[in-house]
Amino acid sequence: LTVSDGSHTASTAFDLLVTPPNLLIGDAFYSGGGTSPLSAHGPDINSQGAPWTVTGATPPPIVSGGVASIGAGTGHVQATLQSGVSDFIMAADYLVGPGPQLAALAFRLTDANNHLLLMFYDNALQFYRKQAGVYTLIASAPLAAIAANSIHRIEVRAYGSALEGWWDGSLV
């Protein structure tokens, strides 16, 4: 893409956002240069108009410099957006920290005690159902060990009762 003032003597940097027509919600987690609670941050693309809702344990997640993160806490925290759809593809890029590794996508959430979860933990991709506050393992598949500071894509595809877990672009 070339943008010119007509003289071709000057150039400038700019952001270009191309939105797929079926994208309901998208978030790059930029907070305008500072740090803010995720619950006070609005997604970049939000056709449903849904705010981030944080449920579960503490501390709450924050947004800073294009990353949503959370510190060590007392249990599971869910940050969700009410999309109003049950069939979807949801994905996130996971930047691996130096400590124990855990990344998860909560979906079909009724409340903090009732939802489904696709989780990377202990070098496995796992589906869980949380019902009445109790987690039940639905399925698990081993994955290769990951290194600190690497980035991995976790993705869930849900169509009716069928669930698919994807890791780094491959169905697991």
N, C-alpha and C. Protein backbone atom coordinates (compact mmCIF):
# COMPACT_ATOMS: atom_id res chain seq x y z
N LEU A 1 0.85 -1.17 0.00
CA LEU A 1 0.00 0.00 0.00
C LEU A 1 0.89 1.23 0.00
N THR A 2 0.63 2.15 -0.88
CA THR A 2 1.39 3.40 -0.95
C THR A 2 0.43 4.57 -0.76
N VAL A 3 0.82 5.46 0.13
CA VAL A 3 0.06 6.69 0.34
C VAL A 3 1.01 7.83 0.02
N SER A 4 0.57 8.76 -0.80
CA SER A 4 1.46 9.84 -1.23
C SER A 4 0.74 11.18 -1.15
N ASP A 5 1.55 12.22 -0.91
CA ASP A 5 1.00 13.57 -0.95
C ASP A 5 1.02 14.12 -2.37
N GLY A 6 1.41 13.30 -3.33
CA GLY A 6 1.46 13.73 -4.73
C GLY A 6 2.86 14.08 -5.18
N SER A 7 3.69 14.55 -4.23
CA SER A 7 5.06 14.94 -4.59
C SER A 7 6.05 13.80 -4.38
N HIS A 8 5.64 12.78 -3.64
CA HIS A 8 6.51 11.64 -3.30
C HIS A 8 7.76 12.08 -2.54
N THR A 9 7.66 13.20 -1.84
CA THR A 9 8.83 13.70 -1.09
C THR A 9 8.73 13.43 0.40
N ALA A 10 7.58 13.05 0.87
CA ALA A 10 7.41 12.84 2.30
C ALA A 10 6.74 11.49 2.54
N SER A 11 7.04 10.91 3.67
CA SER A 11 6.38 9.67 4.04
C SER A 11 6.00 9.74 5.51
N THR A 12 5.05 8.95 5.88
CA THR A 12 4.61 8.91 7.26
C THR A 12 4.12 7.50 7.58
N ALA A 13 4.17 7.15 8.83
CA ALA A 13 3.67 5.85 9.27
C ALA A 13 2.20 5.99 9.67
N PHE A 14 1.44 4.96 9.45
CA PHE A 14 0.04 4.95 9.86
C PHE A 14 -0.39 3.53 10.11
N ASP A 15 -1.46 3.36 10.85
CA ASP A 15 -2.04 2.05 11.10
C ASP A 15 -3.17 1.82 10.12
N LEU A 16 -3.23 0.60 9.61
CA LEU A 16 -4.30 0.21 8.71
C LEU A 16 -4.98 -1.01 9.31
N LEU A 17 -6.25 -0.92 9.55
CA LEU A 17 -7.01 -2.02 10.13
C LEU A 17 -8.01 -2.52 9.10
N VAL A 18 -7.85 -3.77 8.71
CA VAL A 18 -8.78 -4.41 7.80
C VAL A 18 -9.57 -5.42 8.61
N THR A 19 -10.86 -5.24 8.70
CA THR A 19 -11.71 -6.06 9.54
C THR A 19 -12.43 -7.11 8.71
N PRO A 20 -12.25 -8.41 9.03
CA PRO A 20 -13.03 -9.43 8.33
C PRO A 20 -14.52 -9.19 8.57
N PRO A 21 -15.36 -9.43 7.58
CA PRO A 21 -16.78 -9.10 7.72
C PRO A 21 -17.51 -9.89 8.81
N ASN A 22 -16.98 -11.06 9.21
CA ASN A 22 -17.67 -11.86 10.21
C ASN A 22 -17.05 -11.72 11.60
N LEU A 23 -16.14 -10.78 11.79
CA LEU A 23 -15.51 -10.57 13.10
C LEU A 23 -16.46 -9.79 14.01
N LEU A 24 -16.83 -10.41 15.13
CA LEU A 24 -17.74 -9.76 16.07
C LEU A 24 -17.00 -8.90 17.08
N ILE A 25 -15.87 -9.44 17.60
CA ILE A 25 -15.12 -8.75 18.64
C ILE A 25 -13.63 -8.95 18.38
N GLY A 26 -12.86 -7.88 18.50
CA GLY A 26 -11.41 -7.95 18.35
C GLY A 26 -10.77 -6.95 19.28
N ASP A 27 -9.66 -7.32 19.89
CA ASP A 27 -9.01 -6.42 20.84
C ASP A 27 -7.49 -6.57 20.77
N ALA A 28 -6.80 -5.47 20.55
CA ALA A 28 -5.34 -5.46 20.53
C ALA A 28 -4.78 -5.03 21.89
N PHE A 29 -5.63 -4.69 22.83
CA PHE A 29 -5.27 -4.37 24.22
C PHE A 29 -4.33 -3.18 24.35
N TYR A 30 -4.55 -2.14 23.55
CA TYR A 30 -3.79 -0.90 23.73
C TYR A 30 -4.57 0.01 24.66
N SER A 31 -3.86 0.58 25.61
CA SER A 31 -4.52 1.38 26.64
C SER A 31 -4.21 2.86 26.53
N GLY A 32 -3.73 3.31 25.40
CA GLY A 32 -3.42 4.72 25.22
C GLY A 32 -2.15 5.14 25.94
N GLY A 33 -1.22 4.23 26.10
CA GLY A 33 0.08 4.57 26.69
C GLY A 33 0.20 4.31 28.17
N GLY A 34 -0.88 4.05 28.85
CA GLY A 34 -0.83 3.81 30.29
C GLY A 34 -1.24 2.39 30.63
N THR A 35 -1.57 2.21 31.88
CA THR A 35 -2.06 0.93 32.38
C THR A 35 -3.46 1.15 32.90
N SER A 36 -4.37 0.24 32.56
CA SER A 36 -5.74 0.37 33.04
C SER A 36 -6.32 -1.01 33.32
N PRO A 37 -7.33 -1.08 34.18
CA PRO A 37 -8.00 -2.37 34.39
C PRO A 37 -8.66 -2.83 33.10
N LEU A 38 -8.63 -4.11 32.82
CA LEU A 38 -9.28 -4.64 31.62
C LEU A 38 -10.76 -4.28 31.59
N SER A 39 -11.41 -4.29 32.74
CA SER A 39 -12.85 -3.99 32.79
C SER A 39 -13.16 -2.54 32.40
N ALA A 40 -12.15 -1.65 32.41
CA ALA A 40 -12.36 -0.26 32.00
C ALA A 40 -11.94 -0.02 30.55
N HIS A 41 -11.49 -1.08 29.88
CA HIS A 41 -10.98 -1.01 28.51
C HIS A 41 -12.02 -1.55 27.54
N GLY A 42 -12.27 -0.83 26.47
CA GLY A 42 -13.21 -1.30 25.45
C GLY A 42 -12.48 -1.97 24.31
N PRO A 43 -13.01 -3.10 23.78
CA PRO A 43 -12.39 -3.75 22.63
C PRO A 43 -12.34 -2.83 21.42
N ASP A 44 -11.36 -3.04 20.55
CA ASP A 44 -11.20 -2.22 19.34
C ASP A 44 -12.36 -2.42 18.37
N ILE A 45 -12.77 -3.67 18.21
CA ILE A 45 -13.92 -4.01 17.38
C ILE A 45 -14.92 -4.67 18.30
N ASN A 46 -16.15 -4.14 18.32
CA ASN A 46 -17.12 -4.65 19.28
C ASN A 46 -18.52 -4.46 18.73
N SER A 47 -18.87 -5.30 17.74
CA SER A 47 -20.18 -5.16 17.11
C SER A 47 -21.34 -5.45 18.07
N GLN A 48 -21.07 -6.16 19.15
CA GLN A 48 -22.10 -6.47 20.13
C GLN A 48 -22.22 -5.39 21.21
N GLY A 49 -21.21 -4.50 21.31
CA GLY A 49 -21.23 -3.44 22.31
C GLY A 49 -21.02 -3.94 23.72
N ALA A 50 -20.45 -5.12 23.86
CA ALA A 50 -20.28 -5.74 25.17
C ALA A 50 -19.01 -5.26 25.87
N PRO A 51 -19.11 -4.95 27.17
CA PRO A 51 -17.90 -4.59 27.92
C PRO A 51 -17.18 -5.84 28.42
N TRP A 52 -15.89 -5.70 28.73
CA TRP A 52 -15.17 -6.77 29.40
C TRP A 52 -15.76 -6.94 30.80
N THR A 53 -16.07 -8.17 31.17
CA THR A 53 -16.56 -8.49 32.50
C THR A 53 -15.59 -9.44 33.16
N VAL A 54 -15.17 -9.12 34.37
CA VAL A 54 -14.21 -9.95 35.10
C VAL A 54 -14.91 -10.62 36.26
N THR A 55 -14.81 -11.96 36.33
CA THR A 55 -15.41 -12.73 37.41
C THR A 55 -14.36 -13.69 37.98
N GLY A 56 -14.63 -14.19 39.15
CA GLY A 56 -13.72 -15.17 39.76
C GLY A 56 -12.84 -14.55 40.82
N ALA A 57 -11.63 -15.07 40.93
CA ALA A 57 -10.69 -14.68 41.99
C ALA A 57 -10.01 -13.34 41.69
N THR A 58 -9.03 -13.00 42.48
CA THR A 58 -8.25 -11.77 42.30
C THR A 58 -6.81 -12.15 42.01
N PRO A 59 -6.01 -11.24 41.49
CA PRO A 59 -6.28 -9.85 41.14
C PRO A 59 -6.95 -9.73 39.77
N PRO A 60 -7.54 -8.58 39.47
CA PRO A 60 -8.14 -8.40 38.15
C PRO A 60 -7.06 -8.19 37.08
N PRO A 61 -7.35 -8.57 35.84
CA PRO A 61 -6.39 -8.35 34.76
C PRO A 61 -6.25 -6.87 34.43
N ILE A 62 -5.08 -6.51 33.87
CA ILE A 62 -4.81 -5.14 33.44
C ILE A 62 -4.42 -5.14 31.97
N VAL A 63 -4.48 -3.96 31.36
CA VAL A 63 -4.09 -3.75 29.98
C VAL A 63 -2.98 -2.72 29.96
N SER A 64 -1.90 -3.04 29.25
CA SER A 64 -0.78 -2.11 29.13
C SER A 64 0.06 -2.49 27.93
N GLY A 65 0.32 -1.53 27.04
CA GLY A 65 1.23 -1.74 25.93
C GLY A 65 0.86 -2.86 24.98
N GLY A 66 -0.41 -3.06 24.72
CA GLY A 66 -0.84 -4.09 23.79
C GLY A 66 -0.91 -5.48 24.38
N VAL A 67 -0.91 -5.59 25.70
CA VAL A 67 -0.97 -6.89 26.37
C VAL A 67 -1.99 -6.82 27.50
N ALA A 68 -2.82 -7.86 27.60
CA ALA A 68 -3.67 -8.04 28.77
C ALA A 68 -2.95 -9.05 29.64
N SER A 69 -2.78 -8.72 30.91
CA SER A 69 -2.02 -9.62 31.80
C SER A 69 -2.65 -9.65 33.18
N ILE A 70 -2.17 -10.62 33.95
CA ILE A 70 -2.65 -10.77 35.32
C ILE A 70 -1.50 -11.28 36.17
N GLY A 71 -1.45 -10.84 37.40
CA GLY A 71 -0.41 -11.30 38.32
C GLY A 71 -0.84 -12.56 39.04
N ALA A 72 0.05 -13.08 39.89
CA ALA A 72 -0.27 -14.26 40.69
C ALA A 72 -1.46 -13.94 41.58
N GLY A 73 -2.32 -14.93 41.76
CA GLY A 73 -3.52 -14.68 42.55
C GLY A 73 -4.00 -15.88 43.31
N THR A 74 -5.27 -15.82 43.65
CA THR A 74 -5.85 -16.82 44.55
C THR A 74 -6.66 -17.89 43.82
N GLY A 75 -6.77 -17.82 42.51
CA GLY A 75 -7.56 -18.80 41.78
C GLY A 75 -7.83 -18.35 40.36
N HIS A 76 -8.78 -19.00 39.71
CA HIS A 76 -9.11 -18.70 38.31
C HIS A 76 -9.87 -17.39 38.21
N VAL A 77 -9.52 -16.63 37.17
CA VAL A 77 -10.19 -15.37 36.85
C VAL A 77 -10.69 -15.49 35.42
N GLN A 78 -11.94 -15.14 35.17
CA GLN A 78 -12.49 -15.13 33.83
C GLN A 78 -12.70 -13.69 33.39
N ALA A 79 -12.16 -13.34 32.23
CA ALA A 79 -12.45 -12.05 31.61
C ALA A 79 -13.22 -12.38 30.34
N THR A 80 -14.46 -11.96 30.27
CA THR A 80 -15.34 -12.37 29.18
C THR A 80 -16.06 -11.19 28.55
N LEU A 81 -16.52 -11.41 27.33
CA LEU A 81 -17.38 -10.48 26.61
C LEU A 81 -18.63 -11.25 26.21
N GLN A 82 -19.78 -10.73 26.49
CA GLN A 82 -21.03 -11.39 26.14
C GLN A 82 -21.30 -11.14 24.66
N SER A 83 -21.07 -12.16 23.84
CA SER A 83 -21.22 -12.00 22.39
C SER A 83 -22.63 -12.29 21.91
N GLY A 84 -23.38 -13.08 22.69
CA GLY A 84 -24.73 -13.43 22.27
C GLY A 84 -24.77 -14.53 21.22
N VAL A 85 -23.63 -15.16 20.93
CA VAL A 85 -23.60 -16.25 19.96
C VAL A 85 -23.06 -17.51 20.64
N SER A 86 -23.56 -18.68 20.21
CA SER A 86 -23.07 -19.92 20.80
C SER A 86 -22.12 -20.66 19.87
N ASP A 87 -22.19 -20.41 18.58
CA ASP A 87 -21.28 -21.01 17.61
C ASP A 87 -20.27 -19.95 17.18
N PHE A 88 -18.98 -20.25 17.34
CA PHE A 88 -17.96 -19.22 17.15
C PHE A 88 -16.57 -19.83 17.01
N ILE A 89 -15.64 -18.98 16.63
CA ILE A 89 -14.21 -19.26 16.71
C ILE A 89 -13.62 -18.16 17.57
N MET A 90 -12.89 -18.54 18.63
CA MET A 90 -12.27 -17.58 19.53
C MET A 90 -10.80 -17.96 19.68
N ALA A 91 -9.92 -16.96 19.63
CA ALA A 91 -8.49 -17.24 19.73
C ALA A 91 -7.78 -16.11 20.47
N ALA A 92 -6.62 -16.45 21.01
CA ALA A 92 -5.77 -15.47 21.67
C ALA A 92 -4.32 -15.89 21.50
N ASP A 93 -3.44 -14.91 21.44
CA ASP A 93 -2.00 -15.18 21.42
C ASP A 93 -1.51 -15.14 22.86
N TYR A 94 -0.81 -16.18 23.26
CA TYR A 94 -0.34 -16.37 24.63
C TYR A 94 1.17 -16.14 24.67
N LEU A 95 1.57 -15.09 25.39
CA LEU A 95 2.99 -14.79 25.62
C LEU A 95 3.38 -15.51 26.90
N VAL A 96 4.26 -16.49 26.78
CA VAL A 96 4.62 -17.36 27.90
C VAL A 96 5.50 -16.60 28.89
N GLY A 97 5.10 -16.62 30.14
CA GLY A 97 5.88 -15.98 31.20
C GLY A 97 6.94 -16.92 31.75
N PRO A 98 7.69 -16.45 32.75
CA PRO A 98 8.79 -17.25 33.29
C PRO A 98 8.36 -18.33 34.28
N GLY A 99 7.19 -18.22 34.85
CA GLY A 99 6.75 -19.15 35.89
C GLY A 99 5.90 -20.28 35.33
N PRO A 100 5.06 -20.85 36.17
CA PRO A 100 4.16 -21.92 35.71
C PRO A 100 3.30 -21.41 34.56
N GLN A 101 3.10 -22.25 33.56
CA GLN A 101 2.41 -21.81 32.35
C GLN A 101 0.96 -22.27 32.34
N LEU A 102 0.07 -21.29 32.15
CA LEU A 102 -1.35 -21.57 32.07
C LEU A 102 -1.99 -20.50 31.18
N ALA A 103 -2.71 -20.94 30.18
CA ALA A 103 -3.48 -20.04 29.32
C ALA A 103 -4.82 -20.70 29.09
N ALA A 104 -5.89 -19.92 29.08
CA ALA A 104 -7.21 -20.53 28.91
C ALA A 104 -8.18 -19.57 28.22
N LEU A 105 -9.14 -20.15 27.55
CA LEU A 105 -10.25 -19.42 26.96
C LEU A 105 -11.52 -19.92 27.62
N ALA A 106 -12.22 -19.04 28.32
CA ALA A 106 -13.52 -19.38 28.93
C ALA A 106 -14.60 -19.02 27.91
N PHE A 107 -15.58 -19.90 27.77
CA PHE A 107 -16.64 -19.63 26.81
C PHE A 107 -17.94 -20.28 27.27
N ARG A 108 -19.02 -19.86 26.62
CA ARG A 108 -20.37 -20.27 27.01
C ARG A 108 -20.55 -20.10 28.52
N LEU A 109 -20.13 -18.93 28.97
CA LEU A 109 -20.14 -18.61 30.39
C LEU A 109 -21.52 -18.13 30.84
N THR A 110 -22.05 -18.80 31.84
CA THR A 110 -23.27 -18.36 32.50
C THR A 110 -22.90 -17.47 33.68
N ASP A 111 -21.93 -17.93 34.48
CA ASP A 111 -21.37 -17.15 35.58
C ASP A 111 -20.02 -17.78 35.93
N ALA A 112 -19.37 -17.29 36.98
CA ALA A 112 -18.03 -17.77 37.35
C ALA A 112 -18.02 -19.26 37.70
N ASN A 113 -19.16 -19.83 38.02
CA ASN A 113 -19.24 -21.23 38.42
C ASN A 113 -19.80 -22.16 37.35
N ASN A 114 -20.15 -21.62 36.18
CA ASN A 114 -20.75 -22.43 35.12
C ASN A 114 -20.28 -21.95 33.76
N HIS A 115 -19.36 -22.71 33.14
CA HIS A 115 -18.84 -22.37 31.82
C HIS A 115 -17.99 -23.51 31.28
N LEU A 116 -17.55 -23.35 30.06
CA LEU A 116 -16.60 -24.28 29.44
C LEU A 116 -15.25 -23.57 29.35
N LEU A 117 -14.19 -24.38 29.24
CA LEU A 117 -12.84 -23.84 29.27
C LEU A 117 -11.94 -24.66 28.38
N LEU A 118 -11.18 -24.00 27.51
CA LEU A 118 -10.07 -24.64 26.80
C LEU A 118 -8.82 -24.11 27.45
N MET A 119 -7.98 -25.01 27.96
CA MET A 119 -6.83 -24.57 28.77
C MET A 119 -5.55 -25.27 28.33
N PHE A 120 -4.47 -24.47 28.24
CA PHE A 120 -3.13 -25.04 28.13
C PHE A 120 -2.54 -25.05 29.53
N TYR A 121 -2.13 -26.22 30.00
CA TYR A 121 -1.51 -26.34 31.30
C TYR A 121 -0.72 -27.65 31.34
N ASP A 122 0.43 -27.61 31.94
CA ASP A 122 1.25 -28.81 32.14
C ASP A 122 1.49 -29.54 30.81
N ASN A 123 1.82 -28.74 29.77
CA ASN A 123 2.11 -29.26 28.43
C ASN A 123 0.98 -30.12 27.84
N ALA A 124 -0.24 -29.68 28.07
CA ALA A 124 -1.41 -30.36 27.49
C ALA A 124 -2.48 -29.31 27.17
N LEU A 125 -3.26 -29.60 26.15
CA LEU A 125 -4.44 -28.79 25.82
C LEU A 125 -5.64 -29.56 26.34
N GLN A 126 -6.45 -28.89 27.18
CA GLN A 126 -7.51 -29.58 27.91
C GLN A 126 -8.83 -28.83 27.80
N PHE A 127 -9.91 -29.58 27.62
CA PHE A 127 -11.26 -29.02 27.71
C PHE A 127 -11.82 -29.37 29.08
N TYR A 128 -12.41 -28.36 29.75
CA TYR A 128 -13.07 -28.57 31.04
C TYR A 128 -14.48 -28.02 30.98
N ARG A 129 -15.35 -28.62 31.77
CA ARG A 129 -16.69 -28.07 32.03
C ARG A 129 -16.69 -27.70 33.51
N LYS A 130 -17.08 -26.47 33.81
CA LYS A 130 -17.26 -26.07 35.20
C LYS A 130 -18.75 -25.94 35.43
N GLN A 131 -19.27 -26.79 36.31
CA GLN A 131 -20.70 -26.79 36.59
C GLN A 131 -20.87 -26.78 38.10
N ALA A 132 -21.67 -25.83 38.59
CA ALA A 132 -21.90 -25.65 40.03
C ALA A 132 -20.57 -25.52 40.78
N GLY A 133 -19.59 -24.86 40.14
CA GLY A 133 -18.30 -24.61 40.78
C GLY A 133 -17.31 -25.75 40.73
N VAL A 134 -17.65 -26.87 40.07
CA VAL A 134 -16.77 -28.04 40.02
C VAL A 134 -16.27 -28.24 38.59
N TYR A 135 -14.93 -28.29 38.44
CA TYR A 135 -14.33 -28.55 37.13
C TYR A 135 -14.32 -30.04 36.84
N THR A 136 -14.73 -30.40 35.61
CA THR A 136 -14.66 -31.78 35.13
C THR A 136 -13.89 -31.80 33.82
N LEU A 137 -12.85 -32.62 33.74
CA LEU A 137 -12.06 -32.75 32.51
C LEU A 137 -12.89 -33.48 31.47
N ILE A 138 -13.02 -32.87 30.29
CA ILE A 138 -13.76 -33.47 29.18
C ILE A 138 -12.81 -34.21 28.25
N ALA A 139 -11.68 -33.58 27.92
CA ALA A 139 -10.71 -34.17 27.00
C ALA A 139 -9.36 -33.51 27.23
N SER A 140 -8.29 -34.26 26.91
CA SER A 140 -6.93 -33.74 27.09
C SER A 140 -6.03 -34.34 26.02
N ALA A 141 -5.10 -33.54 25.51
CA ALA A 141 -4.11 -34.01 24.53
C ALA A 141 -2.76 -33.40 24.87
N PRO A 142 -1.70 -34.21 24.85
CA PRO A 142 -0.37 -33.69 25.18
C PRO A 142 0.18 -32.77 24.09
N LEU A 143 1.00 -31.82 24.53
CA LEU A 143 1.69 -30.91 23.61
C LEU A 143 3.17 -30.88 23.99
N ALA A 144 3.98 -30.43 23.06
CA ALA A 144 5.41 -30.29 23.34
C ALA A 144 5.62 -29.17 24.36
N ALA A 145 6.70 -29.27 25.12
CA ALA A 145 7.04 -28.23 26.10
C ALA A 145 7.23 -26.89 25.39
N ILE A 146 6.90 -25.80 26.09
CA ILE A 146 7.06 -24.46 25.53
C ILE A 146 8.08 -23.68 26.35
N ALA A 147 8.69 -22.70 25.72
CA ALA A 147 9.75 -21.91 26.37
C ALA A 147 9.22 -20.56 26.81
N ALA A 148 9.78 -20.04 27.89
CA ALA A 148 9.44 -18.68 28.35
C ALA A 148 9.73 -17.69 27.22
N ASN A 149 8.91 -16.66 27.14
CA ASN A 149 9.00 -15.59 26.14
C ASN A 149 8.62 -16.01 24.73
N SER A 150 8.12 -17.24 24.55
CA SER A 150 7.61 -17.63 23.24
C SER A 150 6.13 -17.24 23.16
N ILE A 151 5.60 -17.17 21.95
CA ILE A 151 4.20 -16.81 21.74
C ILE A 151 3.50 -17.97 21.05
N HIS A 152 2.33 -18.33 21.58
CA HIS A 152 1.56 -19.44 21.03
C HIS A 152 0.10 -19.02 20.88
N ARG A 153 -0.55 -19.57 19.88
CA ARG A 153 -1.96 -19.25 19.61
C ARG A 153 -2.82 -20.39 20.15
N ILE A 154 -3.76 -20.03 21.03
CA ILE A 154 -4.75 -20.97 21.55
C ILE A 154 -6.10 -20.58 20.94
N GLU A 155 -6.84 -21.59 20.46
CA GLU A 155 -8.08 -21.30 19.74
C GLU A 155 -9.12 -22.37 20.04
N VAL A 156 -10.33 -21.94 20.23
CA VAL A 156 -11.46 -22.86 20.39
C VAL A 156 -12.46 -22.58 19.28
N ARG A 157 -13.00 -23.66 18.72
CA ARG A 157 -14.07 -23.57 17.73
C ARG A 157 -15.24 -24.36 18.28
N ALA A 158 -16.38 -23.69 18.39
CA ALA A 158 -17.56 -24.31 18.99
C ALA A 158 -18.73 -24.22 18.00
N TYR A 159 -19.28 -25.38 17.67
CA TYR A 159 -20.42 -25.48 16.76
C TYR A 159 -21.41 -26.46 17.37
N GLY A 160 -22.50 -25.96 17.92
CA GLY A 160 -23.44 -26.84 18.60
C GLY A 160 -22.74 -27.53 19.76
N SER A 161 -22.83 -28.86 19.81
CA SER A 161 -22.16 -29.59 20.89
C SER A 161 -20.72 -29.98 20.53
N ALA A 162 -20.29 -29.70 19.31
CA ALA A 162 -18.93 -30.04 18.88
C ALA A 162 -17.95 -28.94 19.31
N LEU A 163 -16.84 -29.36 19.91
CA LEU A 163 -15.79 -28.43 20.34
C LEU A 163 -14.47 -28.88 19.73
N GLU A 164 -13.68 -27.91 19.25
CA GLU A 164 -12.35 -28.19 18.74
C GLU A 164 -11.34 -27.31 19.45
N GLY A 165 -10.22 -27.89 19.85
CA GLY A 165 -9.12 -27.15 20.44
C GLY A 165 -7.97 -27.08 19.46
N TRP A 166 -7.47 -25.86 19.22
CA TRP A 166 -6.36 -25.63 18.29
C TRP A 166 -5.20 -25.02 19.03
N TRP A 167 -3.99 -25.40 18.64
CA TRP A 167 -2.76 -24.85 19.24
C TRP A 167 -1.80 -24.53 18.11
N ASP A 168 -1.39 -23.28 18.03
CA ASP A 168 -0.45 -22.83 16.99
C ASP A 168 -0.90 -23.23 15.59
N GLY A 169 -2.21 -23.08 15.33
CA GLY A 169 -2.75 -23.31 14.00
C GLY A 169 -3.04 -24.76 13.65
N SER A 170 -2.87 -25.68 14.61
CA SER A 170 -3.13 -27.10 14.34
C SER A 170 -4.21 -27.62 15.27
N LEU A 171 -5.12 -28.41 14.68
CA LEU A 171 -6.15 -29.06 15.49
C LEU A 171 -5.49 -30.10 16.39
N VAL A 172 -5.80 -30.04 17.69
CA VAL A 172 -5.21 -30.98 18.65
C VAL A 172 -6.25 -32.02 19.03
